[in-house]
PDB file of N, CA and C in Angstrom:
ATOM      1  N   MET A   1     224.425   2.049  84.914  1.00  0.00           N
ATOM      2  CA  MET A   1     223.349   2.637  85.186  1.00  0.00           C
ATOM      3  C   MET A   1     222.960   2.363  86.446  1.00  0.00           C
ATOM      4  N   PHE A   2     223.277   0.948  86.503  1.00  0.00           N
ATOM      5  CA  PHE A   2     223.148   0.285  87.940  1.00  0.00           C
ATOM      6  C   PHE A   2     224.551   0.628  88.906  1.00  0.00           C
ATOM      7  N   GLY A   3     225.583   0.918  88.397  1.00  0.00           N
ATOM      8  CA  GLY A   3     226.787   1.398  88.879  1.00  0.00           C
ATOM      9  C   GLY A   3     227.680   0.200  88.900  1.00  0.00           C
ATOM     10  N   THR A   4     228.922   0.509  90.224  1.00  0.00           N
ATOM     11  CA  THR A   4     229.603  -0.610  89.848  1.00  0.00           C
ATOM     12  C   THR A   4     230.303  -0.910  91.089  1.00  0.00           C
ATOM     13  N   GLY A   5     229.576  -1.042  92.432  1.00  0.00           N
ATOM     14  CA  GLY A   5     229.613  -0.276  94.073  1.00  0.00           C
ATOM     15  C   GLY A   5     230.645   0.281  94.311  1.00  0.00           C
ATOM     16  N   GLN A   6     230.157   0.440  95.604  1.00  0.00           N
ATOM     17  CA  GLN A   6     231.243   1.239  96.227  1.00  0.00           C
ATOM     18  C   GLN A   6     232.438   1.181  96.333  1.00  0.00           C
ATOM     19  N   GLY A   7     233.809   1.837  96.174  1.00  0.00           N
ATOM     20  CA  GLY A   7     234.873   1.683  96.295  1.00  0.00           C
ATOM     21  C   GLY A   7     235.609   0.929  95.227  1.00  0.00           C
ATOM     22  N   THR A   8     234.645   0.784  94.215  1.00  0.00           N
ATOM     23  CA  THR A   8     235.379   0.139  92.873  1.00  0.00           C
ATOM     24  C   THR A   8     235.631   1.046  92.304  1.00  0.00           C
ATOM     25  N   PHE A   9     235.671   2.803  91.905  1.00  0.00           N
ATOM     26  CA  PHE A   9     236.158   3.648  91.112  1.00  0.00           C
ATOM     27  C   PHE A   9     237.609   3.311  90.364  1.00  0.00           C
ATOM     28  N   LEU A  10     238.800   3.091  91.715  1.00  0.00           N
ATOM     29  CA  LEU A  10     240.313   2.583  91.788  1.00  0.00           C
ATOM     30  C   LEU A  10     240.060   1.367  90.628  1.00  0.00           C
ATOM     31  N   TYR A  11     239.572   0.492  90.342  1.00  0.00           N
ATOM     32  CA  TYR A  11     240.082  -0.881  89.686  1.00  0.00           C
ATOM     33  C   TYR A  11     239.134  -0.569  88.199  1.00  0.00           C
ATOM     34  N   VAL A  12     237.795   0.563  88.081  1.00  0.00           N
ATOM     35  CA  VAL A  12     237.353   0.029  87.191  1.00  0.00           C
ATOM     36  C   VAL A  12     237.585   1.800  85.551  1.00  0.00           C
ATOM     37  N   TYR A  13     237.613   2.648  86.728  1.00  0.00           N
ATOM     38  CA  TYR A  13     238.966   3.414  85.713  1.00  0.00           C
ATOM     39  C   TYR A  13     240.334   2.921  84.773  1.00  0.00           C
ATOM     40  N   PRO A  14     240.771   2.378  85.996  1.00  0.00           N
ATOM     41  CA  PRO A  14     241.890   2.228  84.077  1.00  0.00           C
ATOM     42  C   PRO A  14     241.147   1.482  82.706  1.00  0.00           C
ATOM     43  N   MET A  15     240.208   1.056  83.218  1.00  0.00           N
ATOM     44  CA  MET A  15     239.597   0.540  82.341  1.00  0.00           C
ATOM     45  C   MET A  15     238.879   1.163  81.002  1.00  0.00           C
ATOM     46  N   PHE A  16     239.051   2.256  81.218  1.00  0.00           N
ATOM     47  CA  PHE A  16     238.131   3.618  80.328  1.00  0.00           C
ATOM     48  C   PHE A  16     239.619   4.694  80.238  1.00  0.00           C
ATOM     49  N   ASP A  17     240.008   4.769  80.926  1.00  0.00           N
ATOM     50  CA  ASP A  17     241.226   5.764  80.212  1.00  0.00           C
ATOM     51  C   ASP A  17     242.581   4.953  80.294  1.00  0.00           C
ATOM     52  N   LYS A  18     243.113   4.113  79.163  1.00  0.00           N
ATOM     53  CA  LYS A  18     244.227   3.431  79.222  1.00  0.00           C
ATOM     54  C   LYS A  18     245.609   4.364  78.789  1.00  0.00           C
ATOM     55  N   GLU A  19     245.360   5.649  78.525  1.00  0.00           N
ATOM     56  CA  GLU A  19     246.377   6.636  78.759  1.00  0.00           C
ATOM     57  C   GLU A  19     247.003   6.751  79.718  1.00  0.00           C
ATOM     58  N   ARG A  20     246.800   6.910  80.902  1.00  0.00           N
ATOM     59  CA  ARG A  20     246.993   6.945  82.643  1.00  0.00           C
ATOM     60  C   ARG A  20     247.743   6.097  83.003  1.00  0.00           C
ATOM     61  N   ILE A  21     248.552   6.485  84.290  1.00  0.00           N
ATOM     62  CA  ILE A  21     249.835   5.333  84.235  1.00  0.00           C
ATOM     63  C   ILE A  21     248.720   4.535  85.361  1.00  0.00           C
ATOM     64  N   SER A  22     248.759   3.155  85.233  1.00  0.00           N
ATOM     65  CA  SER A  22     247.364   2.852  86.503  1.00  0.00           C
ATOM     66  C   SER A  22     247.751   2.917  87.769  1.00  0.00           C
ATOM     67  N   GLY A  23     247.275   2.902  89.303  1.00  0.00           N
ATOM     68  CA  GLY A  23     247.455   2.973  90.162  1.00  0.00           C
ATOM     69  C   GLY A  23     247.404   4.539  90.648  1.00  0.00           C
ATOM     70  N   LEU A  24     247.482   5.514  89.567  1.00  0.00           N
ATOM     71  CA  LEU A  24     247.769   6.739  90.133  1.00  0.00           C
ATOM     72  C   LEU A  24     246.083   7.762  90.049  1.00  0.00           C
ATOM     73  N   VAL A  25     244.975   7.068  89.787  1.00  0.00           N
ATOM     74  CA  VAL A  25     244.024   7.789  89.268  1.00  0.00           C
ATOM     75  C   VAL A  25     243.268   6.703  91.248  1.00  0.00           C
ATOM     76  N   GLU A  26     242.930   7.114  92.207  1.00  0.00           N
ATOM     77  CA  GLU A  26     242.228   6.382  93.338  1.00  0.00           C
ATOM     78  C   GLU A  26     240.599   6.782  93.036  1.00  0.00           C
ATOM     79  N   HIS A  27     240.541   8.281  92.871  1.00  0.00           N
ATOM     80  CA  HIS A  27     239.306   8.953  92.810  1.00  0.00           C
ATOM     81  C   HIS A  27     239.021   9.297  92.098  1.00  0.00           C
ATOM     82  N   SER A  28     237.720  10.028  91.947  1.00  0.00           N
ATOM     83  CA  SER A  28     237.492  10.753  90.675  1.00  0.00           C
ATOM     84  C   SER A  28     237.173  12.513  91.510  1.00  0.00           C
ATOM     85  N   HIS A  29     237.788  13.304  90.947  1.00  0.00           N
ATOM     86  CA  HIS A  29     237.666  14.639  91.303  1.00  0.00           C
ATOM     87  C   HIS A  29     236.322  15.135  91.343  1.00  0.00           C
ATOM     88  N   ASN A  30     235.125  14.838  91.035  1.00  0.00           N
ATOM     89  CA  ASN A  30     233.819  15.081  91.563  1.00  0.00           C
ATOM     90  C   ASN A  30     232.752  14.149  92.114  1.00  0.00           C
ATOM     91  N   ASP A  31     233.171  14.292  93.504  1.00  0.00           N
ATOM     92  CA  ASP A  31     232.175  13.692  94.292  1.00  0.00           C
ATOM     93  C   ASP A  31     231.144  12.801  93.841  1.00  0.00           C
ATOM     94  N   TYR A  32     230.326  14.473  93.164  1.00  0.00           N
ATOM     95  CA  TYR A  32     229.172  13.949  92.656  1.00  0.00           C
ATOM     96  C   TYR A  32     228.984  12.261  91.543  1.00  0.00           C
ATOM     97  N   VAL A  33     230.257  12.662  90.291  1.00  0.00           N
ATOM     98  CA  VAL A  33     230.841  12.028  89.246  1.00  0.00           C
ATOM     99  C   VAL A  33     230.933  10.593  90.206  1.00  0.00           C
ATOM    100  N   GLU A  34     231.469  10.412  91.365  1.00  0.00           N
ATOM    101  CA  GLU A  34     232.248   9.095  91.896  1.00  0.00           C
ATOM    102  C   GLU A  34     230.984   8.675  92.300  1.00  0.00           C
ATOM    103  N   ILE A  35     229.863   9.190  92.676  1.00  0.00           N
ATOM    104  CA  ILE A  35     228.741   9.017  93.526  1.00  0.00           C
ATOM    105  C   ILE A  35     228.002   8.249  92.393  1.00  0.00           C
ATOM    106  N   LEU A  36     227.964   9.358  91.231  1.00  0.00           N
ATOM    107  CA  LEU A  36     227.121   8.328  90.406  1.00  0.00           C
ATOM    108  C   LEU A  36     227.397   6.856  89.512  1.00  0.00           C
ATOM    109  N   SER A  37     228.743   7.119  89.321  1.00  0.00           N
ATOM    110  CA  SER A  37     229.663   5.725  89.500  1.00  0.00           C
ATOM    111  C   SER A  37     229.136   4.563  89.844  1.00  0.00           C
ATOM    112  N   GLU A  38     229.675   5.165  91.178  1.00  0.00           N
ATOM    113  CA  GLU A  38     229.815   3.987  91.554  1.00  0.00           C
ATOM    114  C   GLU A  38     228.341   3.161  92.673  1.00  0.00           C
ATOM    115  N   ASN A  39     227.695   3.897  92.379  1.00  0.00           N
ATOM    116  CA  ASN A  39     226.368   4.175  92.895  1.00  0.00           C
ATOM    117  C   ASN A  39     225.261   3.424  91.802  1.00  0.00           C
ATOM    118  N   GLY A  40     225.176   4.246  90.544  1.00  0.00           N
ATOM    119  CA  GLY A  40     223.836   4.331  89.708  1.00  0.00           C
ATOM    120  C   GLY A  40     223.424   5.466  89.714  1.00  0.00           C
ATOM    121  N   LEU A  41     222.790   5.568  88.039  1.00  0.00           N
ATOM    122  CA  LEU A  41     222.254   6.811  88.238  1.00  0.00           C
ATOM    123  C   LEU A  41     220.617   6.669  89.444  1.00  0.00           C
ATOM    124  N   ILE A  42     219.943   5.909  89.533  1.00  0.00           N
ATOM    125  CA  ILE A  42     219.234   5.526  90.618  1.00  0.00           C
ATOM    126  C   ILE A  42     219.361   5.864  92.307  1.00  0.00           C
ATOM    127  N   SER A  43     220.126   4.972  92.494  1.00  0.00           N
ATOM    128  CA  SER A  43     220.379   5.111  94.138  1.00  0.00           C
ATOM    129  C   SER A  43     221.512   6.333  93.720  1.00  0.00           C
ATOM    130  N   GLY A  44     222.366   6.507  93.211  1.00  0.00           N
ATOM    131  CA  GLY A  44     223.387   7.577  93.452  1.00  0.00           C
ATOM    132  C   GLY A  44     222.610   8.998  93.170  1.00  0.00           C
ATOM    133  N   GLY A  45     221.521   9.027  91.989  1.00  0.00           N
ATOM    134  CA  GLY A  45     220.879  10.412  91.855  1.00  0.00           C
ATOM    135  C   GLY A  45     219.843  10.433  93.097  1.00  0.00           C
ATOM    136  N   SER A  46     219.325   9.268  93.733  1.00  0.00           N
ATOM    137  CA  SER A  46     218.274   9.306  94.844  1.00  0.00           C
ATOM    138  C   SER A  46     218.869  10.263  95.888  1.00  0.00           C
ATOM    139  N   LEU A  47     220.615   9.985  96.098  1.00  0.00           N
ATOM    140  CA  LEU A  47     220.948  10.144  97.371  1.00  0.00           C
ATOM    141  C   LEU A  47     221.894  11.787  97.232  1.00  0.00           C
ATOM    142  N   ILE A  48     221.817  11.912  96.263  1.00  0.00           N
ATOM    143  CA  ILE A  48     222.021  13.327  95.680  1.00  0.00           C
ATOM    144  C   ILE A  48     221.407  14.083  95.872  1.00  0.00           C
ATOM    145  N   LEU A  49     219.624  13.829  95.703  1.00  0.00           N
ATOM    146  CA  LEU A  49     218.853  14.731  95.781  1.00  0.00           C
ATOM    147  C   LEU A  49     218.053  14.588  96.793  1.00  0.00           C
ATOM    148  N   LEU A  50     218.468  13.769  97.701  1.00  0.00           N
ATOM    149  CA  LEU A  50     218.400  13.504  99.175  1.00  0.00           C
ATOM    150  C   LEU A  50     219.533  14.654  99.994  1.00  0.00           C
ATOM    151  N   VAL A  51     219.956  14.839  99.684  1.00  0.00           N
ATOM    152  CA  VAL A  51     221.111  15.861 100.393  1.00  0.00           C
ATOM    153  C   VAL A  51     221.048  17.195 100.040  1.00  0.00           C
ATOM    154  N   PHE A  52     220.993  17.702  98.916  1.00  0.00           N
ATOM    155  CA  PHE A  52     220.531  18.873  98.346  1.00  0.00           C
ATOM    156  C   PHE A  52     218.666  19.253  98.128  1.00  0.00           C
ATOM    157  N   GLY A  53     217.523  18.767  98.585  1.00  0.00           N
ATOM    158  CA  GLY A  53     216.165  18.921  98.758  1.00  0.00           C
ATOM    159  C   GLY A  53     215.992  19.024 100.380  1.00  0.00           C
ATOM    160  N   THR A  54     216.889  18.144 101.177  1.00  0.00           N
ATOM    161  CA  THR A  54     217.107  18.374 102.870  1.00  0.00           C
ATOM    162  C   THR A  54     217.558  19.806 102.755  1.00  0.00           C
ATOM    163  N   LEU A  55     218.627  20.174 102.146  1.00  0.00           N
ATOM    164  CA  LEU A  55     219.162  21.695 102.109  1.00  0.00           C
ATOM    165  C   LEU A  55     218.253  22.114 101.808  1.00  0.00           C
ATOM    166  N   GLY A  56     217.465  22.885 100.863  1.00  0.00           N
ATOM    167  CA  GLY A  56     216.717  23.557  99.906  1.00  0.00           C
ATOM    168  C   GLY A  56     215.521  23.561 101.165  1.00  0.00           C
ATOM    169  N   TYR A  57     215.202  22.315 101.928  1.00  0.00           N
ATOM    170  CA  TYR A  57     214.518  22.675 102.924  1.00  0.00           C
ATOM    171  C   TYR A  57     214.680  23.326 104.226  1.00  0.00           C
ATOM    172  N   ALA A  58     215.944  23.165 104.623  1.00  0.00           N
ATOM    173  CA  ALA A  58     216.856  23.833 105.371  1.00  0.00           C
ATOM    174  C   ALA A  58     216.261  25.605 105.253  1.00  0.00           C
ATOM    175  N   ALA A  59     216.841  25.448 103.918  1.00  0.00           N
ATOM    176  CA  ALA A  59     216.096  27.079 103.354  1.00  0.00           C
ATOM    177  C   ALA A  59     215.578  27.751 104.023  1.00  0.00           C
ATOM    178  N   ILE A  60     214.883  26.528 103.194  1.00  0.00           N
ATOM    179  CA  ILE A  60     213.288  27.322 103.291  1.00  0.00           C
ATOM    180  C   ILE A  60     212.742  27.692 104.545  1.00  0.00           C
ATOM    181  N   CYS A  61     213.279  26.929 105.280  1.00  0.00           N
ATOM    182  CA  CYS A  61     212.776  27.043 107.402  1.00  0.00           C
ATOM    183  C   CYS A  61     213.593  28.263 107.546  1.00  0.00           C
ATOM    184  N   TRP A  62     214.846  28.535 107.241  1.00  0.00           N
ATOM    185  CA  TRP A  62     215.323  29.643 107.476  1.00  0.00           C
ATOM    186  C   TRP A  62     214.757  30.775 107.045  1.00  0.00           C
ATOM    187  N   GLY A  63     214.073  30.637 106.120  1.00  0.00           N
ATOM    188  CA  GLY A  63     213.411  32.339 105.808  1.00  0.00           C
ATOM    189  C   GLY A  63     212.555  32.794 105.999  1.00  0.00           C
ATOM    190  N   ARG A  64     211.681  31.361 106.795  1.00  0.00           N
ATOM    191  CA  ARG A  64     210.476  31.970 107.589  1.00  0.00           C
ATOM    192  C   ARG A  64     210.271  32.572 109.186  1.00  0.00           C
ATOM    193  N   GLY A  65     212.019  32.568 109.424  1.00  0.00           N
ATOM    194  CA  GLY A  65     211.758  33.941 110.501  1.00  0.00           C
ATOM    195  C   GLY A  65     212.089  33.151 111.844  1.00  0.00           C
ATOM    196  N   GLY A  66     212.232  33.687 112.928  1.00  0.00           N
ATOM    197  CA  GLY A  66     212.640  33.182 114.024  1.00  0.00           C
ATOM    198  C   GLY A  66     213.499  34.285 114.815  1.00  0.00           C
ATOM    199  N   ASP A  67     213.650  33.389 116.175  1.00  0.00           N
ATOM    200  CA  ASP A  67     214.945  34.016 116.637  1.00  0.00           C
ATOM    201  C   ASP A  67     215.922  34.716 115.668  1.00  0.00           C
ATOM    202  N   TYR A  68     216.390  35.955 116.175  1.00  0.00           N
ATOM    203  CA  TYR A  68     217.664  36.270 115.702  1.00  0.00           C
ATOM    204  C   TYR A  68     219.476  35.297 115.412  1.00  0.00           C
ATOM    205  N   PHE A  69     219.104  34.939 116.760  1.00  0.00           N
ATOM    206  CA  PHE A  69     220.244  34.186 116.809  1.00  0.00           C
ATOM    207  C   PHE A  69     220.041  32.488 116.284  1.00  0.00           C
ATOM    208  N   VAL A  70     219.180  31.959 116.578  1.00  0.00           N
ATOM    209  CA  VAL A  70     218.815  31.013 115.665  1.00  0.00           C
ATOM    210  C   VAL A  70     219.179  31.305 113.812  1.00  0.00           C
ATOM    211  N   ARG A  71     218.942  31.972 113.638  1.00  0.00           N
ATOM    212  CA  ARG A  71     218.587  32.761 112.033  1.00  0.00           C
ATOM    213  C   ARG A  71     220.113  32.425 111.893  1.00  0.00           C
ATOM    214  N   VAL A  72     221.156  34.163 112.912  1.00  0.00           N
ATOM    215  CA  VAL A  72     222.383  33.743 112.615  1.00  0.00           C
ATOM    216  C   VAL A  72     223.136  31.817 112.524  1.00  0.00           C
ATOM    217  N   ILE A  73     222.953  31.332 113.548  1.00  0.00           N
ATOM    218  CA  ILE A  73     223.811  30.120 113.653  1.00  0.00           C
ATOM    219  C   ILE A  73     223.004  29.201 112.574  1.00  0.00           C
ATOM    220  N   GLY A  74     221.967  29.299 111.580  1.00  0.00           N
ATOM    221  CA  GLY A  74     221.330  28.726 110.709  1.00  0.00           C
ATOM    222  C   GLY A  74     222.151  29.449 109.309  1.00  0.00           C
ATOM    223  N   LEU A  75     221.956  30.027 109.201  1.00  0.00           N
ATOM    224  CA  LEU A  75     222.685  30.591 108.416  1.00  0.00           C
ATOM    225  C   LEU A  75     224.037  30.561 108.117  1.00  0.00           C
ATOM    226  N   GLY A  76     225.220  30.713 109.315  1.00  0.00           N
ATOM    227  CA  GLY A  76     226.273  30.106 109.414  1.00  0.00           C
ATOM    228  C   GLY A  76     226.427  28.251 108.415  1.00  0.00           C
ATOM    229  N   CYS A  77     225.293  27.673 109.677  1.00  0.00           N
ATOM    230  CA  CYS A  77     225.565  26.612 109.109  1.00  0.00           C
ATOM    231  C   CYS A  77     225.396  25.675 107.719  1.00  0.00           C
ATOM    232  N   LEU A  78     224.323  26.625 107.435  1.00  0.00           N
ATOM    233  CA  LEU A  78     223.585  26.051 105.390  1.00  0.00           C
ATOM    234  C   LEU A  78     224.829  26.811 104.780  1.00  0.00           C
ATOM    235  N   LEU A  79     225.361  27.726 104.845  1.00  0.00           N
ATOM    236  CA  LEU A  79     226.317  28.209 104.050  1.00  0.00           C
ATOM    237  C   LEU A  79     227.207  27.491 104.131  1.00  0.00           C
ATOM    238  N   GLY A  80     227.901  26.823 105.389  1.00  0.00           N
ATOM    239  CA  GLY A  80     229.067  25.843 105.634  1.00  0.00           C
ATOM    240  C   GLY A  80     229.271  24.744 104.838  1.00  0.00           C
ATOM    241  N   ALA A  81     227.667  23.939 104.483  1.00  0.00           N
ATOM    242  CA  ALA A  81     227.201  22.786 104.179  1.00  0.00           C
ATOM    243  C   ALA A  81     227.365  22.842 102.577  1.00  0.00           C
ATOM    244  N   VAL A  82     226.646  24.340 102.430  1.00  0.00           N
ATOM    245  CA  VAL A  82     226.774  24.727 101.267  1.00  0.00           C
ATOM    246  C   VAL A  82     227.876  24.806 100.222  1.00  0.00           C
ATOM    247  N   ALA A  83     229.342  25.241 100.883  1.00  0.00           N
ATOM    248  CA  ALA A  83     230.623  25.669 100.426  1.00  0.00           C
ATOM    249  C   ALA A  83     231.745  24.127 100.777  1.00  0.00           C
ATOM    250  N   ILE A  84     231.040  23.532 101.027  1.00  0.00           N
ATOM    251  CA  ILE A  84     231.577  21.740 101.238  1.00  0.00           C
ATOM    252  C   ILE A  84     231.049  21.139 100.016  1.00  0.00           C
ATOM    253  N   LEU A  85     230.000  21.218  99.926  1.00  0.00           N
ATOM    254  CA  LEU A  85     229.078  20.675  98.614  1.00  0.00           C
ATOM    255  C   LEU A  85     229.624  21.638  97.206  1.00  0.00           C
ATOM    256  N   LEU A  86     229.903  22.753  97.536  1.00  0.00           N
ATOM    257  CA  LEU A  86     230.572  23.207  95.785  1.00  0.00           C
ATOM    258  C   LEU A  86     231.638  22.863  95.835  1.00  0.00           C
ATOM    259  N   HIS A  87     232.807  22.300  97.445  1.00  0.00           N
ATOM    260  CA  HIS A  87     234.081  22.201  96.940  1.00  0.00           C
ATOM    261  C   HIS A  87     234.007  20.437  96.545  1.00  0.00           C
ATOM    262  N   SER A  88     233.262  19.704  96.842  1.00  0.00           N
ATOM    263  CA  SER A  88     233.233  18.353  96.377  1.00  0.00           C
ATOM    264  C   SER A  88     232.983  18.767  94.818  1.00  0.00           C
ATOM    265  N   VAL A  89     232.495  19.820  93.651  1.00  0.00           N
ATOM    266  CA  VAL A  89     232.209  19.687  92.390  1.00  0.00           C
ATOM    267  C   VAL A  89     233.774  19.691  91.780  1.00  0.00           C
ATOM    268  N   THR A  90     235.336  19.726  92.568  1.00  0.00           N
ATOM    269  CA  THR A  90     235.969  19.441  92.040  1.00  0.00           C
ATOM    270  C   THR A  90     237.240  18.912  92.652  1.00  0.00           C
ATOM    271  N   ASP A  91     236.890  18.820  94.204  1.00  0.00           N
ATOM    272  CA  ASP A  91     237.676  17.571  94.384  1.00  0.00           C
ATOM    273  C   ASP A  91     236.828  16.686  95.674  1.00  0.00           C
ATOM    274  N   PHE A  92     237.299  15.341  96.018  1.00  0.00           N
ATOM    275  CA  PHE A  92     237.154  14.603  96.356  1.00  0.00           C
ATOM    276  C   PHE A  92     237.189  14.578  97.974  1.00  0.00           C
ATOM    277  N   ASN A  93     236.888  15.852  98.382  1.00  0.00           N
ATOM    278  CA  ASN A  93     236.519  15.836  99.836  1.00  0.00           C
ATOM    279  C   ASN A  93     235.952  15.007 100.599  1.00  0.00           C
ATOM    280  N   LEU A  94     234.540  14.287 100.232  1.00  0.00           N
ATOM    281  CA  LEU A  94     233.776  13.672 101.400  1.00  0.00           C
ATOM    282  C   LEU A  94     234.753  12.753 101.173  1.00  0.00           C
ATOM    283  N   HIS A  95     235.550  12.041 101.033  1.00  0.00           N
ATOM    284  CA  HIS A  95     236.850  10.581 101.171  1.00  0.00           C
ATOM    285  C   HIS A  95     237.216  11.086 101.981  1.00  0.00           C
ATOM    286  N   ILE A  96     237.945  12.107 102.067  1.00  0.00           N
ATOM    287  CA  ILE A  96     238.338  12.079 103.497  1.00  0.00           C
ATOM    288  C   ILE A  96     237.559  12.572 105.128  1.00  0.00           C
ATOM    289  N   PRO A  97     237.930  11.542 106.022  1.00  0.00           N
ATOM    290  CA  PRO A  97     236.899  11.094 107.358  1.00  0.00           C
ATOM    291  C   PRO A  97     236.790  12.577 107.894  1.00  0.00           C
ATOM    292  N   ALA A  98     237.420  13.759 108.106  1.00  0.00           N
ATOM    293  CA  ALA A  98     237.903  15.014 109.129  1.00  0.00           C
ATOM    294  C   ALA A  98     236.281  15.519 107.873  1.00  0.00           C
ATOM    295  N   ASN A  99     236.446  15.680 106.728  1.00  0.00           N
ATOM    296  CA  ASN A  99     235.502  16.523 106.556  1.00  0.00           C
ATOM    297  C   ASN A  99     234.183  15.766 106.275  1.00  0.00           C
ATOM    298  N   VAL A 100     234.203  14.476 106.132  1.00  0.00           N
ATOM    299  CA  VAL A 100     232.447  14.330 106.849  1.00  0.00           C
ATOM    300  C   VAL A 100     231.756  14.259 107.746  1.00  0.00           C
ATOM    301  N   ILE A 101     232.707  14.239 108.882  1.00  0.00           N
ATOM    302  CA  ILE A 101     232.291  14.392 110.002  1.00  0.00           C
ATOM    303  C   ILE A 101     232.113  16.121 110.384  1.00  0.00           C
ATOM    304  N   TYR A 102     232.716  16.902 109.334  1.00  0.00           N
ATOM    305  CA  TYR A 102     232.676  18.111 109.871  1.00  0.00           C
ATOM    306  C   TYR A 102     231.155  18.464 108.997  1.00  0.00           C
ATOM    307  N   PHE A 103     231.405  17.704 108.067  1.00  0.00           N
ATOM    308  CA  PHE A 103     229.942  18.274 106.521  1.00  0.00           C
ATOM    309  C   PHE A 103     228.894  17.190 107.332  1.00  0.00           C
ATOM    310  N   VAL A 104     228.723  16.605 107.659  1.00  0.00           N
ATOM    311  CA  VAL A 104     227.729  15.929 109.203  1.00  0.00           C
ATOM    312  C   VAL A 104     227.304  16.535 109.837  1.00  0.00           C
ATOM    313  N   THR A 105     228.428  17.520 110.199  1.00  0.00           N
ATOM    314  CA  THR A 105     227.973  17.911 112.027  1.00  0.00           C
ATOM    315  C   THR A 105     227.172  19.095 111.613  1.00  0.00           C
ATOM    316  N   ILE A 106     227.895  20.251 110.618  1.00  0.00           N
ATOM    317  CA  ILE A 106     227.607  21.041 110.164  1.00  0.00           C
ATOM    318  C   ILE A 106     225.861  21.373 109.694  1.00  0.00           C
ATOM    319  N   TYR A 107     226.119  20.079 109.112  1.00  0.00           N
ATOM    320  CA  TYR A 107     224.144  19.835 107.883  1.00  0.00           C
ATOM    321  C   TYR A 107     223.327  19.304 109.390  1.00  0.00           C
ATOM    322  N   ALA A 108     223.616  18.334 110.456  1.00  0.00           N
ATOM    323  CA  ALA A 108     222.969  18.168 111.089  1.00  0.00           C
ATOM    324  C   ALA A 108     222.225  19.667 112.518  1.00  0.00           C
ATOM    325  N   LEU A 109     223.150  20.804 112.487  1.00  0.00           N
ATOM    326  CA  LEU A 109     223.383  21.275 113.233  1.00  0.00           C
ATOM    327  C   LEU A 109     222.535  22.591 112.494  1.00  0.00           C
ATOM    328  N   ALA A 110     222.769  22.592 110.632  1.00  0.00           N
ATOM    329  CA  ALA A 110     221.858  23.387 110.266  1.00  0.00           C
ATOM    330  C   ALA A 110     220.590  23.038 110.268  1.00  0.00           C
ATOM    331  N   LEU A 111     220.055  21.820 110.115  1.00  0.00           N
ATOM    332  CA  LEU A 111     218.734  21.498 110.294  1.00  0.00           C
ATOM    333  C   LEU A 111     217.586  21.735 111.201  1.00  0.00           C
ATOM    334  N   ASN A 112     218.181  21.000 112.518  1.00  0.00           N
ATOM    335  CA  ASN A 112     217.716  21.531 113.849  1.00  0.00           C
ATOM    336  C   ASN A 112     217.850  22.467 114.050  1.00  0.00           C
ATOM    337  N   THR A 113     218.165  23.597 113.815  1.00  0.00           N
ATOM    338  CA  THR A 113     218.798  25.044 113.922  1.00  0.00           C
ATOM    339  C   THR A 113     217.670  25.589 113.355  1.00  0.00           C
ATOM    340  N   VAL A 114     217.584  25.413 112.098  1.00  0.00           N
ATOM    341  CA  VAL A 114     215.973  25.893 111.150  1.00  0.00           C
ATOM    342  C   VAL A 114     214.857  25.106 111.658  1.00  0.00           C
ATOM    343  N   ARG A 115     214.878  24.317 111.784  1.00  0.00           N
ATOM    344  CA  ARG A 115     213.946  23.288 112.768  1.00  0.00           C
ATOM    345  C   ARG A 115     213.091  24.310 114.101  1.00  0.00           C
ATOM    346  N   LEU A 116     214.540  24.597 114.614  1.00  0.00           N
ATOM    347  CA  LEU A 116     213.581  25.172 116.243  1.00  0.00           C
ATOM    348  C   LEU A 116     212.671  26.340 116.240  1.00  0.00           C
ATOM    349  N   LYS A 117     213.573  27.670 115.428  1.00  0.00           N
ATOM    350  CA  LYS A 117     212.568  28.595 114.990  1.00  0.00           C
ATOM    351  C   LYS A 117     212.877  29.760 116.261  1.00  0.00           C
ATOM    352  N   GLY A 118     213.685  29.562 117.356  1.00  0.00           N
ATOM    353  CA  GLY A 118     213.711  30.304 117.894  1.00  0.00           C
ATOM    354  C   GLY A 118     213.105  29.857 119.466  1.00  0.00           C
ATOM    355  N   GLU A 119     212.344  28.322 119.174  1.00  0.00           N
ATOM    356  CA  GLU A 119     211.458  27.690 120.186  1.00  0.00           C
ATOM    357  C   GLU A 119     212.430  27.156 121.438  1.00  0.00           C
ATOM    358  N   PHE A 120     213.341  27.613 121.876  1.00  0.00           N
ATOM    359  CA  PHE A 120     213.553  26.776 122.876  1.00  0.00           C
ATOM    360  C   PHE A 120     213.108  26.068 124.145  1.00  0.00           C
ATOM    361  N   PRO A 121     213.550  25.304 124.407  1.00  0.00           N
ATOM    362  CA  PRO A 121     213.041  24.390 125.422  1.00  0.00           C
ATOM    363  C   PRO A 121     212.779  25.535 126.721  1.00  0.00           C
ATOM    364  N   LYS A 122     211.574  25.929 127.486  1.00  0.00           N
ATOM    365  CA  LYS A 122     211.913  26.861 128.305  1.00  0.00           C
ATOM    366  C   LYS A 122     212.293  25.715 129.875  1.00  0.00           C
ATOM    367  N   LYS A 123     213.128  26.525 130.098  1.00  0.00           N
ATOM    368  CA  LYS A 123     213.245  25.518 132.023  1.00  0.00           C
ATOM    369  C   LYS A 123     212.216  25.896 132.876  1.00  0.00           C
ATOM    370  N   LYS A 124     212.222  24.921 133.529  1.00  0.00           N
ATOM    371  CA  LYS A 124     210.835  25.622 134.993  1.00  0.00           C
ATOM    372  C   LYS A 124     211.602  25.979 135.637  1.00  0.00           C
ATOM    373  N   ALA A 125     211.379  26.743 136.928  1.00  0.00           N
ATOM    374  CA  ALA A 125     212.279  27.742 137.418  1.00  0.00           C
ATOM    375  C   ALA A 125     211.899  26.761 138.636  1.00  0.00           C
ATOM    376  N   LYS A 126     213.032  26.908 139.336  1.00  0.00           N
ATOM    377  CA  LYS A 126     212.922  25.896 140.778  1.00  0.00           C
ATOM    378  C   LYS A 126     212.506  26.991 141.976  1.00  0.00           C
ATOM    379  N   SER A 127     211.222  26.647 142.645  1.00  0.00           N
ATOM    380  CA  SER A 127     210.973  27.541 143.757  1.00  0.00           C
ATOM    381  C   SER A 127     212.063  26.483 145.047  1.00  0.00           C
ATOM    382  N   VAL A 128     212.783  28.128 145.638  1.00  0.00           N
ATOM    383  CA  VAL A 128     213.376  28.298 146.236  1.00  0.00           C
ATOM    384  C   VAL A 128     212.565  28.512 148.049  1.00  0.00           C
ATOM    385  N   ARG A 129     212.663  27.368 148.608  1.00  0.00           N
ATOM    386  CA  ARG A 129     211.569  27.094 150.049  1.00  0.00           C
ATOM    387  C   ARG A 129     212.769  27.213 151.332  1.00  0.00           C
TER     388      ARG A 129
END
């Protein structure tokens, strides 16, 4: 209910699976199960809902229109983030630092591009005299 703490899956899992060789399993092959088991249902569930909720918000904002270029970049970022989240169902890819950096970059870029909706800041033209 309250979780076992961050990074404790390696130590807690052998207590429940006596058939395995100890030390062989370091992570769950499902990031969501590991988040829920380490953080608990309340905080782990809140974290998962936050990620999917903001991604859903970004998808709704993307669907409202805007500049074509911004829509294409936003769609690519949204689909990249969804691909990583789908991959997390069958692997522990968010425990690899390069994948986390890639996910956070794509996720932040998706949120920023759909927020812009083609409203790039206009630069004031300098007068030449």
